[in-house]
Amino acid sequence: MEKDKNLEQYNENGYEKSYGIGELLGRICKFISRTIKKGCVNYLMVTKDGRRTIKLSLTLCAFLTVVAFVPVAVLTVVGLFTDHKFSLVGPNIKSDDINDVFGKAADSARNMKNDFKEGYRQ
């Protein structure tokens, strides 16, 4: 059975099968389509005091990051320092590791803000 599987990689002349530009473009378009579809059903949720502030699809977040990186980065930092919490939600989010990283970033921003306030008071 394994031998038959390996034979499928070769054409009738014994050469390894090669794919044309059309098939390559088709595979690329299929990959992009699947990625966009996954991004549209998964969301970046921003909350403050347990209330949802905003919920954006990951596709939109990626597009905005590419198009307007500096404003997105500034708004993210401002959001962290104003006690907003970021998390990823959706059916394809299998691990809480990234949400743990977002939580640690929020905790670090809160600690820096508190340290700054304490230093300013002294």
PDB file of N, CA and C in Angstrom:
ATOM      1  N   MET A   1       0.826  -1.194   0.000  1.00  0.00           N
ATOM      2  CA  MET A   1       0.000   0.000   0.000  1.00  0.00           C
ATOM      3  C   MET A   1       0.869   1.255   0.000  1.00  0.00           C
ATOM      4  N   GLU A   2       1.936   1.250   0.814  1.00  0.00           N
ATOM      5  CA  GLU A   2       2.842   2.396   0.877  1.00  0.00           C
ATOM      6  C   GLU A   2       3.520   2.598  -0.466  1.00  0.00           C
ATOM      7  N   LYS A   3       3.830   1.508  -1.149  1.00  0.00           N
ATOM      8  CA  LYS A   3       4.478   1.602  -2.453  1.00  0.00           C
ATOM      9  C   LYS A   3       3.559   2.282  -3.467  1.00  0.00           C
ATOM     10  N   ASP A   4       2.256   1.942  -3.433  1.00  0.00           N
ATOM     11  CA  ASP A   4       1.295   2.564  -4.342  1.00  0.00           C
ATOM     12  C   ASP A   4       1.180   4.062  -4.079  1.00  0.00           C
ATOM     13  N   LYS A   5       1.244   4.434  -2.827  1.00  0.00           N
ATOM     14  CA  LYS A   5       1.161   5.844  -2.470  1.00  0.00           C
ATOM     15  C   LYS A   5       2.353   6.610  -3.038  1.00  0.00           C
ATOM     16  N   ASN A   6       3.527   6.008  -2.969  1.00  0.00           N
ATOM     17  CA  ASN A   6       4.723   6.645  -3.508  1.00  0.00           C
ATOM     18  C   ASN A   6       4.679   6.715  -5.026  1.00  0.00           C
ATOM     19  N   LEU A   7       4.062   5.733  -5.679  1.00  0.00           N
ATOM     20  CA  LEU A   7       3.971   5.733  -7.139  1.00  0.00           C
ATOM     21  C   LEU A   7       3.064   6.848  -7.647  1.00  0.00           C
ATOM     22  N   GLU A   8       2.122   7.286  -6.822  1.00  0.00           N
ATOM     23  CA  GLU A   8       1.223   8.358  -7.234  1.00  0.00           C
ATOM     24  C   GLU A   8       1.964   9.678  -7.419  1.00  0.00           C
ATOM     25  N   GLN A   9       3.156   9.793  -6.859  1.00  0.00           N
ATOM     26  CA  GLN A   9       3.930  11.020  -6.983  1.00  0.00           C
ATOM     27  C   GLN A   9       4.603  11.126  -8.346  1.00  0.00           C
ATOM     28  N   TYR A  10       4.599  10.050  -9.128  1.00  0.00           N
ATOM     29  CA  TYR A  10       5.302  10.026 -10.406  1.00  0.00           C
ATOM     30  C   TYR A  10       4.309   9.832 -11.539  1.00  0.00           C
ATOM     31  N   ASN A  11       4.607  10.417 -12.691  1.00  0.00           N
ATOM     32  CA  ASN A  11       3.745  10.234 -13.850  1.00  0.00           C
ATOM     33  C   ASN A  11       4.141   8.957 -14.590  1.00  0.00           C
ATOM     34  N   GLU A  12       3.503   8.704 -15.731  1.00  0.00           N
ATOM     35  CA  GLU A  12       3.726   7.444 -16.450  1.00  0.00           C
ATOM     36  C   GLU A  12       5.136   7.318 -17.017  1.00  0.00           C
ATOM     37  N   ASN A  13       5.866   8.395 -17.185  1.00  0.00           N
ATOM     38  CA  ASN A  13       7.236   8.338 -17.702  1.00  0.00           C
ATOM     39  C   ASN A  13       8.274   8.162 -16.602  1.00  0.00           C
ATOM     40  N   GLY A  14       7.840   8.107 -15.357  1.00  0.00           N
ATOM     41  CA  GLY A  14       8.772   7.921 -14.257  1.00  0.00           C
ATOM     42  C   GLY A  14       9.292   9.215 -13.670  1.00  0.00           C
ATOM     43  N   TYR A  15       8.849  10.334 -14.212  1.00  0.00           N
ATOM     44  CA  TYR A  15       9.275  11.626 -13.668  1.00  0.00           C
ATOM     45  C   TYR A  15       8.334  12.045 -12.543  1.00  0.00           C
ATOM     46  N   GLU A  16       8.872  12.806 -11.624  1.00  0.00           N
ATOM     47  CA  GLU A  16       8.044  13.299 -10.531  1.00  0.00           C
ATOM     48  C   GLU A  16       7.011  14.274 -11.092  1.00  0.00           C
ATOM     49  N   LYS A  17       5.785  14.151 -10.595  1.00  0.00           N
ATOM     50  CA  LYS A  17       4.715  15.018 -11.077  1.00  0.00           C
ATOM     51  C   LYS A  17       5.025  16.465 -10.731  1.00  0.00           C
ATOM     52  N   SER A  18       4.760  17.333 -11.682  1.00  0.00           N
ATOM     53  CA  SER A  18       4.911  18.763 -11.421  1.00  0.00           C
ATOM     54  C   SER A  18       3.554  19.418 -11.645  1.00  0.00           C
ATOM     55  N   TYR A  19       3.358  20.520 -11.009  1.00  0.00           N
ATOM     56  CA  TYR A  19       2.079  21.204 -11.086  1.00  0.00           C
ATOM     57  C   TYR A  19       2.260  22.513 -11.833  1.00  0.00           C
ATOM     58  N   GLY A  20       1.256  22.859 -12.606  1.00  0.00           N
ATOM     59  CA  GLY A  20       1.313  24.081 -13.385  1.00  0.00           C
ATOM     60  C   GLY A  20       1.005  25.303 -12.543  1.00  0.00           C
ATOM     61  N   ILE A  21       1.136  26.443 -13.179  1.00  0.00           N
ATOM     62  CA  ILE A  21       0.898  27.709 -12.496  1.00  0.00           C
ATOM     63  C   ILE A  21      -0.563  27.834 -12.067  1.00  0.00           C
ATOM     64  N   GLY A  22      -1.466  27.263 -12.855  1.00  0.00           N
ATOM     65  CA  GLY A  22      -2.888  27.324 -12.517  1.00  0.00           C
ATOM     66  C   GLY A  22      -3.198  26.595 -11.227  1.00  0.00           C
ATOM     67  N   GLU A  23      -2.615  25.413 -11.070  1.00  0.00           N
ATOM     68  CA  GLU A  23      -2.851  24.656  -9.841  1.00  0.00           C
ATOM     69  C   GLU A  23      -2.202  25.345  -8.644  1.00  0.00           C
ATOM     70  N   LEU A  24      -1.040  25.914  -8.862  1.00  0.00           N
ATOM     71  CA  LEU A  24      -0.360  26.640  -7.790  1.00  0.00           C
ATOM     72  C   LEU A  24      -1.192  27.842  -7.341  1.00  0.00           C
ATOM     73  N   LEU A  25      -1.690  28.612  -8.302  1.00  0.00           N
ATOM     74  CA  LEU A  25      -2.538  29.761  -7.960  1.00  0.00           C
ATOM     75  C   LEU A  25      -3.829  29.312  -7.279  1.00  0.00           C
ATOM     76  N   GLY A  26      -4.374  28.185  -7.730  1.00  0.00           N
ATOM     77  CA  GLY A  26      -5.573  27.643  -7.098  1.00  0.00           C
ATOM     78  C   GLY A  26      -5.335  27.284  -5.646  1.00  0.00           C
ATOM     79  N   ARG A  27      -4.194  26.660  -5.375  1.00  0.00           N
ATOM     80  CA  ARG A  27      -3.864  26.300  -3.992  1.00  0.00           C
ATOM     81  C   ARG A  27      -3.672  27.543  -3.130  1.00  0.00           C
ATOM     82  N   ILE A  28      -3.012  28.549  -3.681  1.00  0.00           N
ATOM     83  CA  ILE A  28      -2.792  29.791  -2.931  1.00  0.00           C
ATOM     84  C   ILE A  28      -4.129  30.463  -2.628  1.00  0.00           C
ATOM     85  N   CYS A  29      -5.013  30.540  -3.628  1.00  0.00           N
ATOM     86  CA  CYS A  29      -6.328  31.160  -3.421  1.00  0.00           C
ATOM     87  C   CYS A  29      -7.153  30.382  -2.399  1.00  0.00           C
ATOM     88  N   LYS A  30      -7.054  29.051  -2.441  1.00  0.00           N
ATOM     89  CA  LYS A  30      -7.782  28.222  -1.484  1.00  0.00           C
ATOM     90  C   LYS A  30      -7.270  28.464  -0.065  1.00  0.00           C
ATOM     91  N   PHE A  31      -5.951  28.573   0.081  1.00  0.00           N
ATOM     92  CA  PHE A  31      -5.359  28.850   1.392  1.00  0.00           C
ATOM     93  C   PHE A  31      -5.817  30.210   1.914  1.00  0.00           C
ATOM     94  N   ILE A  32      -5.770  31.223   1.056  1.00  0.00           N
ATOM     95  CA  ILE A  32      -6.194  32.569   1.460  1.00  0.00           C
ATOM     96  C   ILE A  32      -7.671  32.568   1.842  1.00  0.00           C
ATOM     97  N   SER A  33      -8.482  31.863   1.070  1.00  0.00           N
ATOM     98  CA  SER A  33      -9.913  31.787   1.347  1.00  0.00           C
ATOM     99  C   SER A  33     -10.181  31.137   2.706  1.00  0.00           C
ATOM    100  N   ARG A  34      -9.495  30.026   2.986  1.00  0.00           N
ATOM    101  CA  ARG A  34      -9.677  29.357   4.279  1.00  0.00           C
ATOM    102  C   ARG A  34      -9.218  30.245   5.433  1.00  0.00           C
ATOM    103  N   THR A  35      -8.119  30.957   5.234  1.00  0.00           N
ATOM    104  CA  THR A  35      -7.598  31.835   6.284  1.00  0.00           C
ATOM    105  C   THR A  35      -8.566  32.977   6.569  1.00  0.00           C
ATOM    106  N   ILE A  36      -9.100  33.594   5.525  1.00  0.00           N
ATOM    107  CA  ILE A  36     -10.065  34.688   5.707  1.00  0.00           C
ATOM    108  C   ILE A  36     -11.328  34.172   6.381  1.00  0.00           C
ATOM    109  N   LYS A  37     -11.774  32.976   5.975  1.00  0.00           N
ATOM    110  CA  LYS A  37     -12.977  32.401   6.571  1.00  0.00           C
ATOM    111  C   LYS A  37     -12.782  32.150   8.069  1.00  0.00           C
ATOM    112  N   LYS A  38     -11.610  31.621   8.440  1.00  0.00           N
ATOM    113  CA  LYS A  38     -11.324  31.402   9.863  1.00  0.00           C
ATOM    114  C   LYS A  38     -11.245  32.730  10.613  1.00  0.00           C
ATOM    115  N   GLY A  39     -10.679  33.743   9.970  1.00  0.00           N
ATOM    116  CA  GLY A  39     -10.573  35.055  10.609  1.00  0.00           C
ATOM    117  C   GLY A  39     -11.915  35.721  10.809  1.00  0.00           C
ATOM    118  N   CYS A  40     -12.882  35.389   9.957  1.00  0.00           N
ATOM    119  CA  CYS A  40     -14.205  36.019  10.066  1.00  0.00           C
ATOM    120  C   CYS A  40     -15.069  35.403  11.166  1.00  0.00           C
ATOM    121  N   VAL A  41     -14.761  34.186  11.598  1.00  0.00           N
ATOM    122  CA  VAL A  41     -15.569  33.560  12.650  1.00  0.00           C
ATOM    123  C   VAL A  41     -14.900  33.647  14.018  1.00  0.00           C
ATOM    124  N   ASN A  42     -13.670  34.137  14.067  1.00  0.00           N
ATOM    125  CA  ASN A  42     -12.949  34.331  15.321  1.00  0.00           C
ATOM    126  C   ASN A  42     -12.769  35.825  15.547  1.00  0.00           C
ATOM    127  N   TYR A  43     -12.815  36.231  16.797  1.00  0.00           N
ATOM    128  CA  TYR A  43     -12.867  37.655  17.104  1.00  0.00           C
ATOM    129  C   TYR A  43     -11.842  38.065  18.153  1.00  0.00           C
ATOM    130  N   LEU A  44     -11.442  39.326  18.077  1.00  0.00           N
ATOM    131  CA  LEU A  44     -10.688  39.981  19.136  1.00  0.00           C
ATOM    132  C   LEU A  44     -11.707  40.776  19.937  1.00  0.00           C
ATOM    133  N   MET A  45     -11.839  40.431  21.211  1.00  0.00           N
ATOM    134  CA  MET A  45     -12.815  41.110  22.053  1.00  0.00           C
ATOM    135  C   MET A  45     -12.076  41.972  23.070  1.00  0.00           C
ATOM    136  N   VAL A  46     -12.506  43.213  23.173  1.00  0.00           N
ATOM    137  CA  VAL A  46     -11.934  44.160  24.124  1.00  0.00           C
ATOM    138  C   VAL A  46     -12.994  44.430  25.182  1.00  0.00           C
ATOM    139  N   THR A  47     -12.621  44.224  26.451  1.00  0.00           N
ATOM    140  CA  THR A  47     -13.565  44.430  27.548  1.00  0.00           C
ATOM    141  C   THR A  47     -12.969  45.379  28.582  1.00  0.00           C
ATOM    142  N   LYS A  48     -13.860  46.033  29.295  1.00  0.00           N
ATOM    143  CA  LYS A  48     -13.446  46.880  30.423  1.00  0.00           C
ATOM    144  C   LYS A  48     -14.490  46.717  31.516  1.00  0.00           C
ATOM    145  N   ASP A  49     -14.028  46.387  32.705  1.00  0.00           N
ATOM    146  CA  ASP A  49     -14.905  46.167  33.858  1.00  0.00           C
ATOM    147  C   ASP A  49     -15.973  45.114  33.559  1.00  0.00           C
ATOM    148  N   GLY A  50     -15.613  44.080  32.810  1.00  0.00           N
ATOM    149  CA  GLY A  50     -16.540  42.996  32.512  1.00  0.00           C
ATOM    150  C   GLY A  50     -17.527  43.281  31.391  1.00  0.00           C
ATOM    151  N   ARG A  51     -17.515  44.473  30.839  1.00  0.00           N
ATOM    152  CA  ARG A  51     -18.423  44.820  29.733  1.00  0.00           C
ATOM    153  C   ARG A  51     -17.652  44.812  28.423  1.00  0.00           C
ATOM    154  N   ARG A  52     -18.289  44.290  27.398  1.00  0.00           N
ATOM    155  CA  ARG A  52     -17.649  44.252  26.084  1.00  0.00           C
ATOM    156  C   ARG A  52     -17.635  45.649  25.487  1.00  0.00           C
ATOM    157  N   THR A  53     -16.436  46.133  25.172  1.00  0.00           N
ATOM    158  CA  THR A  53     -16.281  47.447  24.564  1.00  0.00           C
ATOM    159  C   THR A  53     -16.383  47.344  23.052  1.00  0.00           C
ATOM    160  N   ILE A  54     -15.659  46.384  22.490  1.00  0.00           N
ATOM    161  CA  ILE A  54     -15.656  46.208  21.036  1.00  0.00           C
ATOM    162  C   ILE A  54     -15.328  44.756  20.716  1.00  0.00           C
ATOM    163  N   LYS A  55     -15.845  44.287  19.591  1.00  0.00           N
ATOM    164  CA  LYS A  55     -15.591  42.930  19.120  1.00  0.00           C
ATOM    165  C   LYS A  55     -15.321  43.014  17.620  1.00  0.00           C
ATOM    166  N   LEU A  56     -14.081  42.725  17.221  1.00  0.00           N
ATOM    167  CA  LEU A  56     -13.672  42.821  15.818  1.00  0.00           C
ATOM    168  C   LEU A  56     -13.250  41.461  15.298  1.00  0.00           C
ATOM    169  N   SER A  57     -13.575  41.161  14.051  1.00  0.00           N
ATOM    170  CA  SER A  57     -13.108  39.908  13.462  1.00  0.00           C
ATOM    171  C   SER A  57     -11.595  39.976  13.286  1.00  0.00           C
ATOM    172  N   LEU A  58     -10.958  38.815  13.357  1.00  0.00           N
ATOM    173  CA  LEU A  58      -9.502  38.778  13.225  1.00  0.00           C
ATOM    174  C   LEU A  58      -9.057  39.206  11.831  1.00  0.00           C
ATOM    175  N   THR A  59      -9.894  38.965  10.826  1.00  0.00           N
ATOM    176  CA  THR A  59      -9.563  39.415   9.474  1.00  0.00           C
ATOM    177  C   THR A  59      -9.470  40.935   9.435  1.00  0.00           C
ATOM    178  N   LEU A  60     -10.427  41.598  10.036  1.00  0.00           N
ATOM    179  CA  LEU A  60     -10.413  43.061  10.083  1.00  0.00           C
ATOM    180  C   LEU A  60      -9.229  43.568  10.904  1.00  0.00           C
ATOM    181  N   CYS A  61      -8.930  42.895  12.004  1.00  0.00           N
ATOM    182  CA  CYS A  61      -7.776  43.294  12.829  1.00  0.00           C
ATOM    183  C   CYS A  61      -6.479  43.183  12.039  1.00  0.00           C
ATOM    184  N   ALA A  62      -6.314  42.083  11.306  1.00  0.00           N
ATOM    185  CA  ALA A  62      -5.098  41.902  10.509  1.00  0.00           C
ATOM    186  C   ALA A  62      -5.006  42.965   9.420  1.00  0.00           C
ATOM    187  N   PHE A  63      -6.129  43.248   8.756  1.00  0.00           N
ATOM    188  CA  PHE A  63      -6.141  44.265   7.708  1.00  0.00           C
ATOM    189  C   PHE A  63      -5.776  45.636   8.273  1.00  0.00           C
ATOM    190  N   LEU A  64      -6.384  45.996   9.398  1.00  0.00           N
ATOM    191  CA  LEU A  64      -6.084  47.296  10.008  1.00  0.00           C
ATOM    192  C   LEU A  64      -4.635  47.380  10.474  1.00  0.00           C
ATOM    193  N   THR A  65      -4.096  46.275  10.968  1.00  0.00           N
ATOM    194  CA  THR A  65      -2.703  46.270  11.412  1.00  0.00           C
ATOM    195  C   THR A  65      -1.760  46.480  10.241  1.00  0.00           C
ATOM    196  N   VAL A  66      -2.065  45.877   9.099  1.00  0.00           N
ATOM    197  CA  VAL A  66      -1.217  46.046   7.917  1.00  0.00           C
ATOM    198  C   VAL A  66      -1.345  47.461   7.363  1.00  0.00           C
ATOM    199  N   VAL A  67      -2.564  47.966   7.283  1.00  0.00           N
ATOM    200  CA  VAL A  67      -2.804  49.267   6.664  1.00  0.00           C
ATOM    201  C   VAL A  67      -2.400  50.423   7.576  1.00  0.00           C
ATOM    202  N   ALA A  68      -2.697  50.306   8.864  1.00  0.00           N
ATOM    203  CA  ALA A  68      -2.452  51.419   9.789  1.00  0.00           C
ATOM    204  C   ALA A  68      -1.796  50.893  11.063  1.00  0.00           C
ATOM    205  N   PHE A  69      -0.558  50.439  10.949  1.00  0.00           N
ATOM    206  CA  PHE A  69       0.118  49.805  12.084  1.00  0.00           C
ATOM    207  C   PHE A  69       0.295  50.754  13.266  1.00  0.00           C
ATOM    208  N   VAL A  70       0.779  51.949  13.015  1.00  0.00           N
ATOM    209  CA  VAL A  70       1.090  52.875  14.115  1.00  0.00           C
ATOM    210  C   VAL A  70      -0.165  53.238  14.918  1.00  0.00           C
ATOM    211  N   PRO A  71      -1.273  53.646  14.288  1.00  0.00           N
ATOM    212  CA  PRO A  71      -2.468  53.944  15.094  1.00  0.00           C
ATOM    213  C   PRO A  71      -2.986  52.725  15.863  1.00  0.00           C
ATOM    214  N   VAL A  72      -2.913  51.547  15.255  1.00  0.00           N
ATOM    215  CA  VAL A  72      -3.368  50.336  15.948  1.00  0.00           C
ATOM    216  C   VAL A  72      -2.481  50.058  17.155  1.00  0.00           C
ATOM    217  N   ALA A  73      -1.170  50.191  16.992  1.00  0.00           N
ATOM    218  CA  ALA A  73      -0.250  49.957  18.108  1.00  0.00           C
ATOM    219  C   ALA A  73      -0.481  50.971  19.227  1.00  0.00           C
ATOM    220  N   VAL A  74      -0.665  52.231  18.872  1.00  0.00           N
ATOM    221  CA  VAL A  74      -0.909  53.273  19.880  1.00  0.00           C
ATOM    222  C   VAL A  74      -2.220  53.002  20.616  1.00  0.00           C
ATOM    223  N   LEU A  75      -3.275  52.674  19.878  1.00  0.00           N
ATOM    224  CA  LEU A  75      -4.562  52.387  20.518  1.00  0.00           C
ATOM    225  C   LEU A  75      -4.487  51.159  21.420  1.00  0.00           C
ATOM    226  N   THR A  76      -3.690  50.171  21.030  1.00  0.00           N
ATOM    227  CA  THR A  76      -3.523  48.983  21.865  1.00  0.00           C
ATOM    228  C   THR A  76      -2.840  49.339  23.179  1.00  0.00           C
ATOM    229  N   VAL A  77      -1.779  50.123  23.106  1.00  0.00           N
ATOM    230  CA  VAL A  77      -1.066  50.526  24.325  1.00  0.00           C
ATOM    231  C   VAL A  77      -1.960  51.401  25.204  1.00  0.00           C
ATOM    232  N   VAL A  78      -2.664  52.342  24.597  1.00  0.00           N
ATOM    233  CA  VAL A  78      -3.587  53.193  25.364  1.00  0.00           C
ATOM    234  C   VAL A  78      -4.676  52.333  26.007  1.00  0.00           C
ATOM    235  N   GLY A  79      -5.177  51.369  25.262  1.00  0.00           N
ATOM    236  CA  GLY A  79      -6.192  50.466  25.810  1.00  0.00           C
ATOM    237  C   GLY A  79      -5.684  49.685  27.006  1.00  0.00           C
ATOM    238  N   LEU A  80      -4.438  49.214  26.925  1.00  0.00           N
ATOM    239  CA  LEU A  80      -3.874  48.477  28.057  1.00  0.00           C
ATOM    240  C   LEU A  80      -3.732  49.368  29.286  1.00  0.00           C
ATOM    241  N   PHE A  81      -3.330  50.615  29.097  1.00  0.00           N
ATOM    242  CA  PHE A  81      -3.144  51.514  30.232  1.00  0.00           C
ATOM    243  C   PHE A  81      -4.455  52.082  30.769  1.00  0.00           C
ATOM    244  N   THR A  82      -5.542  51.917  30.044  1.00  0.00           N
ATOM    245  CA  THR A  82      -6.851  52.354  30.547  1.00  0.00           C
ATOM    246  C   THR A  82      -7.675  51.164  31.033  1.00  0.00           C
ATOM    247  N   ASP A  83      -6.980  50.094  31.405  1.00  0.00           N
ATOM    248  CA  ASP A  83      -7.579  48.887  32.005  1.00  0.00           C
ATOM    249  C   ASP A  83      -8.518  48.129  31.076  1.00  0.00           C
ATOM    250  N   HIS A  84      -8.307  48.203  29.785  1.00  0.00           N
ATOM    251  CA  HIS A  84      -9.041  47.358  28.852  1.00  0.00           C
ATOM    252  C   HIS A  84      -8.334  46.012  28.769  1.00  0.00           C
ATOM    253  N   LYS A  85      -9.103  44.953  28.586  1.00  0.00           N
ATOM    254  CA  LYS A  85      -8.530  43.612  28.466  1.00  0.00           C
ATOM    255  C   LYS A  85      -8.853  43.072  27.085  1.00  0.00           C
ATOM    256  N   PHE A  86      -7.868  42.424  26.486  1.00  0.00           N
ATOM    257  CA  PHE A  86      -8.008  41.866  25.149  1.00  0.00           C
ATOM    258  C   PHE A  86      -8.093  40.347  25.257  1.00  0.00           C
ATOM    259  N   SER A  87      -8.922  39.730  24.419  1.00  0.00           N
ATOM    260  CA  SER A  87      -8.992  38.272  24.377  1.00  0.00           C
ATOM    261  C   SER A  87      -9.469  37.837  22.998  1.00  0.00           C
ATOM    262  N   LEU A  88      -9.101  36.616  22.640  1.00  0.00           N
ATOM    263  CA  LEU A  88      -9.548  36.022  21.387  1.00  0.00           C
ATOM    264  C   LEU A  88     -10.658  35.033  21.697  1.00  0.00           C
ATOM    265  N   VAL A  89     -11.750  35.120  20.956  1.00  0.00           N
ATOM    266  CA  VAL A  89     -12.874  34.206  21.130  1.00  0.00           C
ATOM    267  C   VAL A  89     -13.299  33.689  19.767  1.00  0.00           C
ATOM    268  N   GLY A  90     -13.814  32.470  19.758  1.00  0.00           N
ATOM    269  CA  GLY A  90     -14.309  31.897  18.519  1.00  0.00           C
ATOM    270  C   GLY A  90     -14.177  30.393  18.512  1.00  0.00           C
ATOM    271  N   PRO A  91     -14.788  29.758  17.521  1.00  0.00           N
ATOM    272  CA  PRO A  91     -14.778  28.292  17.475  1.00  0.00           C
ATOM    273  C   PRO A  91     -13.404  27.691  17.158  1.00  0.00           C
ATOM    274  N   ASN A  92     -12.521  28.435  16.543  1.00  0.00           N
ATOM    275  CA  ASN A  92     -11.210  27.893  16.178  1.00  0.00           C
ATOM    276  C   ASN A  92     -10.126  28.223  17.192  1.00  0.00           C
ATOM    277  N   ILE A  93     -10.471  28.895  18.269  1.00  0.00           N
ATOM    278  CA  ILE A  93      -9.498  29.217  19.316  1.00  0.00           C
ATOM    279  C   ILE A  93      -9.500  28.040  20.288  1.00  0.00           C
ATOM    280  N   LYS A  94      -8.514  27.151  20.129  1.00  0.00           N
ATOM    281  CA  LYS A  94      -8.470  25.919  20.920  1.00  0.00           C
ATOM    282  C   LYS A  94      -7.667  26.074  22.205  1.00  0.00           C
ATOM    283  N   SER A  95      -6.765  27.029  22.243  1.00  0.00           N
ATOM    284  CA  SER A  95      -5.865  27.162  23.379  1.00  0.00           C
ATOM    285  C   SER A  95      -6.069  28.511  24.055  1.00  0.00           C
ATOM    286  N   ASP A  96      -5.912  28.506  25.352  1.00  0.00           N
ATOM    287  CA  ASP A  96      -6.022  29.756  26.107  1.00  0.00           C
ATOM    288  C   ASP A  96      -4.672  30.425  26.298  1.00  0.00           C
ATOM    289  N   ASP A  97      -3.628  29.900  25.664  1.00  0.00           N
ATOM    290  CA  ASP A  97      -2.285  30.459  25.837  1.00  0.00           C
ATOM    291  C   ASP A  97      -2.215  31.919  25.404  1.00  0.00           C
ATOM    292  N   ILE A  98      -2.806  32.244  24.270  1.00  0.00           N
ATOM    293  CA  ILE A  98      -2.739  33.621  23.782  1.00  0.00           C
ATOM    294  C   ILE A  98      -3.532  34.548  24.698  1.00  0.00           C
ATOM    295  N   ASN A  99      -4.655  34.059  25.225  1.00  0.00           N
ATOM    296  CA  ASN A  99      -5.429  34.879  26.160  1.00  0.00           C
ATOM    297  C   ASN A  99      -4.672  35.074  27.470  1.00  0.00           C
ATOM    298  N   ASP A 100      -3.875  34.067  27.864  1.00  0.00           N
ATOM    299  CA  ASP A 100      -3.013  34.229  29.042  1.00  0.00           C
ATOM    300  C   ASP A 100      -1.966  35.313  28.800  1.00  0.00           C
ATOM    301  N   VAL A 101      -1.416  35.347  27.585  1.00  0.00           N
ATOM    302  CA  VAL A 101      -0.431  36.381  27.238  1.00  0.00           C
ATOM    303  C   VAL A 101      -1.086  37.757  27.280  1.00  0.00           C
ATOM    304  N   PHE A 102      -2.304  37.864  26.733  1.00  0.00           N
ATOM    305  CA  PHE A 102      -3.030  39.137  26.792  1.00  0.00           C
ATOM    306  C   PHE A 102      -3.282  39.549  28.243  1.00  0.00           C
ATOM    307  N   GLY A 103      -3.629  38.582  29.094  1.00  0.00           N
ATOM    308  CA  GLY A 103      -3.860  38.872  30.506  1.00  0.00           C
ATOM    309  C   GLY A 103      -2.600  39.353  31.207  1.00  0.00           C
ATOM    310  N   LYS A 104      -1.470  38.716  30.888  1.00  0.00           N
ATOM    311  CA  LYS A 104      -0.199  39.136  31.483  1.00  0.00           C
ATOM    312  C   LYS A 104       0.190  40.536  31.008  1.00  0.00           C
ATOM    313  N   ALA A 105      -0.100  40.851  29.752  1.00  0.00           N
ATOM    314  CA  ALA A 105       0.188  42.198  29.241  1.00  0.00           C
ATOM    315  C   ALA A 105      -0.663  43.232  29.973  1.00  0.00           C
ATOM    316  N   ALA A 106      -1.929  42.911  30.212  1.00  0.00           N
ATOM    317  CA  ALA A 106      -2.806  43.832  30.945  1.00  0.00           C
ATOM    318  C   ALA A 106      -2.316  44.005  32.382  1.00  0.00           C
ATOM    319  N   ASP A 107      -1.894  42.904  33.011  1.00  0.00           N
ATOM    320  CA  ASP A 107      -1.367  42.992  34.381  1.00  0.00           C
ATOM    321  C   ASP A 107      -0.093  43.826  34.425  1.00  0.00           C
ATOM    322  N   SER A 108       0.788  43.638  33.450  1.00  0.00           N
ATOM    323  CA  SER A 108       2.034  44.414  33.401  1.00  0.00           C
ATOM    324  C   SER A 108       1.744  45.899  33.215  1.00  0.00           C
ATOM    325  N   ALA A 109       0.801  46.221  32.344  1.00  0.00           N
ATOM    326  CA  ALA A 109       0.441  47.630  32.129  1.00  0.00           C
ATOM    327  C   ALA A 109      -0.142  48.226  33.407  1.00  0.00           C
ATOM    328  N   ARG A 110      -0.971  47.456  34.107  1.00  0.00           N
ATOM    329  CA  ARG A 110      -1.554  47.941  35.360  1.00  0.00           C
ATOM    330  C   ARG A 110      -0.462  48.164  36.407  1.00  0.00           C
ATOM    331  N   ASN A 111       0.504  47.235  36.493  1.00  0.00           N
ATOM    332  CA  ASN A 111       1.609  47.389  37.446  1.00  0.00           C
ATOM    333  C   ASN A 111       2.464  48.610  37.117  1.00  0.00           C
ATOM    334  N   MET A 112       2.757  48.815  35.833  1.00  0.00           N
ATOM    335  CA  MET A 112       3.545  49.986  35.438  1.00  0.00           C
ATOM    336  C   MET A 112       2.798  51.276  35.767  1.00  0.00           C
ATOM    337  N   LYS A 113       1.504  51.276  35.523  1.00  0.00           N
ATOM    338  CA  LYS A 113       0.690  52.457  35.820  1.00  0.00           C
ATOM    339  C   LYS A 113       0.690  52.739  37.322  1.00  0.00           C
ATOM    340  N   ASN A 114       0.547  51.693  38.132  1.00  0.00           N
ATOM    341  CA  ASN A 114       0.553  51.870  39.585  1.00  0.00           C
ATOM    342  C   ASN A 114       1.924  52.318  40.085  1.00  0.00           C
ATOM    343  N   ASP A 115       2.999  51.760  39.513  1.00  0.00           N
ATOM    344  CA  ASP A 115       4.352  52.184  39.894  1.00  0.00           C
ATOM    345  C   ASP A 115       4.582  53.652  39.542  1.00  0.00           C
ATOM    346  N   PHE A 116       4.089  54.061  38.401  1.00  0.00           N
ATOM    347  CA  PHE A 116       4.228  55.456  37.990  1.00  0.00           C
ATOM    348  C   PHE A 116       3.474  56.375  38.947  1.00  0.00           C
ATOM    349  N   LYS A 117       2.259  55.965  39.324  1.00  0.00           N
ATOM    350  CA  LYS A 117       1.468  56.773  40.259  1.00  0.00           C
ATOM    351  C   LYS A 117       2.171  56.876  41.609  1.00  0.00           C
ATOM    352  N   GLU A 118       2.714  55.771  42.094  1.00  0.00           N
ATOM    353  CA  GLU A 118       3.417  55.772  43.382  1.00  0.00           C
ATOM    354  C   GLU A 118       4.663  56.648  43.318  1.00  0.00           C
ATOM    355  N   GLY A 119       5.410  56.563  42.237  1.00  0.00           N
ATOM    356  CA  GLY A 119       6.605  57.382  42.076  1.00  0.00           C
ATOM    357  C   GLY A 119       6.275  58.855  41.963  1.00  0.00           C
ATOM    358  N   TYR A 120       5.159  59.166  41.369  1.00  0.00           N
ATOM    359  CA  TYR A 120       4.739  60.555  41.194  1.00  0.00           C
ATOM    360  C   TYR A 120       4.288  61.158  42.522  1.00  0.00           C
ATOM    361  N   ARG A 121       3.681  60.333  43.382  1.00  0.00           N
ATOM    362  CA  ARG A 121       3.183  60.817  44.677  1.00  0.00           C
ATOM    363  C   ARG A 121       4.331  61.125  45.632  1.00  0.00           C
ATOM    364  N   GLN A 122       5.440  60.431  45.486  1.00  0.00           N
ATOM    365  CA  GLN A 122       6.563  60.619  46.414  1.00  0.00           C
ATOM    366  C   GLN A 122       7.307  61.810  46.036  1.00  0.00           C
TER     367      GLN A 122
END
